[in-house]
Amino acid sequence: CDFGFAKKVGIGKKTWTFCGTPEYVAPEIILSKGHDHSADYWSLGILMYELLTGCPPFTGSDPMKTYNVILRGIEAVDFQPNLIGRTANALIKKLCAQNPVERLGYGRGGIIDIKQHRYFMGFDWIGLHRGTMRPPIVPKIQGPQDCSNFDKYSEHPEDAPEELSGWDIDF
């Protein structure tokens, strides 16, 4: 997911643009019912699941199969208790409610309702906003040019293999 496409939609308004990384697309987008900011809360729940487990909850061998799996709903997903605790499980399920108006964050409290969920108890939202929150991991570096925390890669990547399929013969 890249969250690189944004569209400003007024309060109480919907949009019908179909876009997004297949694994993150909310059911109402797939069904062309129109969507609003609650689709973003869905994507947040999917991102949270992926960050905790290393893979998205909905996958298929192609986008259409992924969409069909999404339409089965979050309740059909096997939450791995060794990777996702009860409070995270509850938060993800509330963010990914099948009905957009039932998603956490959609009600009057909006994003505040999400911030006040038990999962975030003790989280320093003010420190995050001010930029004063201490990061959980501080890498040890020798200076601004130190790249020792990054994977090594070849300075000379291999050229792409020659295209021999012939798909472009008639162009």
Protein backbone atom coordinates (compact mmCIF):
# COMPACT_ATOMS: atom_id res chain seq x y z
CA CYS A 1 0.00 0.00 0.00
CA ASP A 2 1.37 3.41 -0.78
CA PHE A 3 -1.44 5.77 0.22
CA GLY A 4 -0.13 7.95 -2.60
CA PHE A 5 -3.49 8.81 -4.10
CA ALA A 6 -5.66 11.27 -2.20
CA LYS A 7 -8.95 12.92 -2.97
CA LYS A 8 -10.61 15.57 -0.84
CA VAL A 9 -14.23 14.63 -0.22
CA GLY A 10 -16.58 16.93 1.67
CA ILE A 11 -18.29 15.94 4.91
CA GLY A 12 -21.29 13.75 4.17
CA LYS A 13 -20.18 13.31 0.55
CA LYS A 14 -19.06 10.19 -1.28
CA THR A 15 -16.78 9.47 -4.20
CA TRP A 16 -16.87 6.59 -6.66
CA THR A 17 -13.25 6.55 -7.85
CA PHE A 18 -11.95 2.97 -7.90
CA CYS A 19 -8.32 3.06 -6.88
CA GLY A 20 -5.99 1.47 -4.41
CA THR A 21 -3.72 -1.48 -3.76
CA PRO A 22 -6.02 -4.52 -4.08
CA GLU A 23 -5.28 -5.92 -0.60
CA TYR A 24 -6.29 -2.59 0.99
CA VAL A 25 -9.47 -1.78 -0.95
CA ALA A 26 -12.60 -1.51 1.22
CA PRO A 27 -15.69 -3.58 0.31
CA GLU A 28 -17.77 -0.52 -0.61
CA ILE A 29 -15.16 0.46 -3.22
CA ILE A 30 -15.20 -3.05 -4.72
CA LEU A 31 -19.02 -3.00 -4.85
CA SER A 32 -19.10 0.54 -6.36
CA LYS A 33 -21.39 1.77 -3.59
CA GLY A 34 -19.52 5.03 -3.19
CA HIS A 35 -17.14 5.63 -0.33
CA ASP A 36 -15.98 8.29 2.09
CA HIS A 37 -13.31 8.59 4.79
CA SER A 38 -14.39 5.30 6.37
CA ALA A 39 -12.55 3.52 3.53
CA ASP A 40 -9.36 5.05 4.97
CA TYR A 41 -10.13 3.51 8.36
CA TRP A 42 -10.51 0.15 6.62
CA SER A 43 -7.07 0.58 5.03
CA LEU A 44 -5.60 1.55 8.41
CA GLY A 45 -6.90 -1.72 9.87
CA ILE A 46 -5.39 -3.69 6.98
CA LEU A 47 -2.05 -1.89 7.38
CA MET A 48 -2.07 -2.59 11.11
CA TYR A 49 -2.71 -6.30 10.49
CA GLU A 50 0.13 -6.43 7.96
CA LEU A 51 2.56 -4.63 10.28
CA LEU A 52 1.80 -7.12 13.06
CA THR A 53 1.89 -10.30 10.97
CA GLY A 54 4.08 -9.52 7.97
CA CYS A 55 1.32 -10.14 5.41
CA PRO A 56 -2.08 -8.64 4.56
CA PRO A 57 -5.22 -10.41 5.79
CA PHE A 58 -6.73 -10.65 2.31
CA THR A 59 -4.79 -12.08 -0.63
CA GLY A 60 -5.53 -13.85 -3.87
CA SER A 61 -3.61 -14.96 -6.93
CA ASP A 62 -4.94 -11.95 -8.85
CA PRO A 63 -6.80 -8.73 -7.91
CA MET A 64 -10.28 -10.17 -8.63
CA LYS A 65 -9.64 -13.13 -6.32
CA THR A 66 -8.34 -10.74 -3.66
CA TYR A 67 -11.53 -8.66 -3.95
CA ASN A 68 -13.65 -11.81 -3.50
CA VAL A 69 -11.73 -12.68 -0.33
CA ILE A 70 -12.23 -9.12 0.97
CA LEU A 71 -15.98 -9.40 0.42
CA ARG A 72 -16.06 -12.37 2.83
CA GLY A 73 -15.14 -9.89 5.57
CA ILE A 74 -12.65 -9.54 8.39
CA GLU A 75 -14.52 -12.13 10.46
CA ALA A 76 -13.35 -14.80 7.99
CA VAL A 77 -9.69 -13.94 8.67
CA ASP A 78 -7.64 -16.22 10.91
CA PHE A 79 -6.17 -13.91 13.54
CA GLN A 80 -2.93 -15.48 14.74
CA PRO A 81 -3.02 -15.09 18.55
CA ASN A 82 0.77 -15.48 18.76
CA LEU A 83 1.17 -12.39 16.54
CA ILE A 84 -1.93 -10.31 17.26
CA GLY A 85 -3.04 -9.71 20.85
CA ARG A 86 -6.67 -9.33 21.91
CA THR A 87 -6.66 -5.52 21.96
CA ALA A 88 -5.03 -5.29 18.52
CA ASN A 89 -7.49 -7.92 17.24
CA ALA A 90 -10.42 -5.87 18.56
CA LEU A 91 -9.09 -2.64 17.04
CA ILE A 92 -8.48 -4.17 13.62
CA LYS A 93 -11.94 -5.74 13.56
CA LYS A 94 -13.54 -2.41 14.49
CA LEU A 95 -11.57 -0.58 11.78
CA CYS A 96 -12.49 -3.25 9.23
CA ALA A 97 -16.19 -3.61 9.95
CA GLN A 98 -17.96 -4.63 6.74
CA ASN A 99 -20.50 -1.81 7.12
CA PRO A 100 -18.64 1.52 6.73
CA VAL A 101 -20.85 3.39 9.23
CA GLU A 102 -19.98 0.82 11.91
CA ARG A 103 -16.22 1.35 11.60
CA LEU A 104 -14.35 2.86 14.49
CA GLY A 105 -13.65 6.49 13.62
CA TYR A 106 -16.82 6.96 11.59
CA GLY A 107 -18.96 8.20 14.48
CA ARG A 108 -19.14 11.64 16.10
CA GLY A 109 -15.79 11.26 17.84
CA GLY A 110 -14.01 10.59 14.54
CA ILE A 111 -10.28 9.94 14.78
CA ILE A 112 -10.40 10.67 18.53
CA ASP A 113 -12.36 7.43 18.98
CA ILE A 114 -9.49 5.54 17.34
CA LYS A 115 -6.86 7.32 19.45
CA GLN A 116 -8.79 6.46 22.61
CA HIS A 117 -9.02 2.74 21.84
CA ARG A 118 -7.49 0.48 24.52
CA TYR A 119 -4.73 -0.57 22.10
CA PHE A 120 -3.24 2.93 22.28
CA MET A 121 -3.44 3.23 26.08
CA GLY A 122 -0.33 5.06 27.27
CA PHE A 123 0.64 6.21 23.78
CA ASP A 124 1.97 9.78 23.79
CA TRP A 125 -0.13 11.39 21.05
CA ILE A 126 0.93 14.89 22.13
CA GLY A 127 4.61 13.94 22.02
CA LEU A 128 4.09 12.44 18.58
CA HIS A 129 2.41 15.65 17.38
CA ARG A 130 5.14 17.87 18.84
CA GLY A 131 7.96 15.65 17.62
CA THR A 132 9.25 15.12 21.16
CA MET A 133 8.35 11.43 21.49
CA ARG A 134 11.38 9.19 21.86
CA PRO A 135 11.51 6.57 19.09
CA PRO A 136 11.36 2.94 20.24
CA ILE A 137 14.50 2.08 18.27
CA VAL A 138 17.44 4.45 17.89
CA PRO A 139 20.01 3.04 15.45
CA LYS A 140 23.66 3.43 16.35
CA ILE A 141 25.46 5.40 13.65
CA GLN A 142 28.95 6.86 13.29
CA GLY A 143 27.81 9.98 11.44
CA PRO A 144 25.51 11.34 8.72
CA GLN A 145 27.11 9.19 5.99
CA ASP A 146 26.92 5.90 7.97
CA CYS A 147 24.87 3.39 5.97
CA SER A 148 25.72 0.32 8.08
CA ASN A 149 22.06 -0.21 9.04
CA PHE A 150 21.01 -0.69 5.42
CA ASP A 151 21.21 -3.86 3.33
CA LYS A 152 24.05 -4.08 0.84
CA TYR A 153 23.23 -4.12 -2.86
CA SER A 154 25.19 -4.15 -6.07
CA GLU A 155 26.29 -0.78 -7.38
CA HIS A 156 25.76 -2.16 -10.89
CA PRO A 157 22.36 -3.82 -11.12
CA GLU A 158 21.94 -6.35 -13.89
CA ASP A 159 20.22 -5.17 -17.03
CA ALA A 160 16.68 -6.40 -17.53
CA PRO A 161 16.49 -9.55 -19.65
CA GLU A 162 15.71 -9.02 -23.32
CA GLU A 163 11.97 -9.05 -24.12
CA LEU A 164 11.32 -11.94 -26.52
CA SER A 165 7.59 -12.61 -26.08
CA GLY A 166 6.60 -10.62 -29.17
CA TRP A 167 3.68 -8.88 -27.48
CA ASP A 168 4.59 -5.58 -29.15
CA ILE A 169 5.05 -6.76 -32.75
CA ASP A 170 1.96 -4.91 -34.03
CA PHE A 171 2.85 -1.59 -32.40
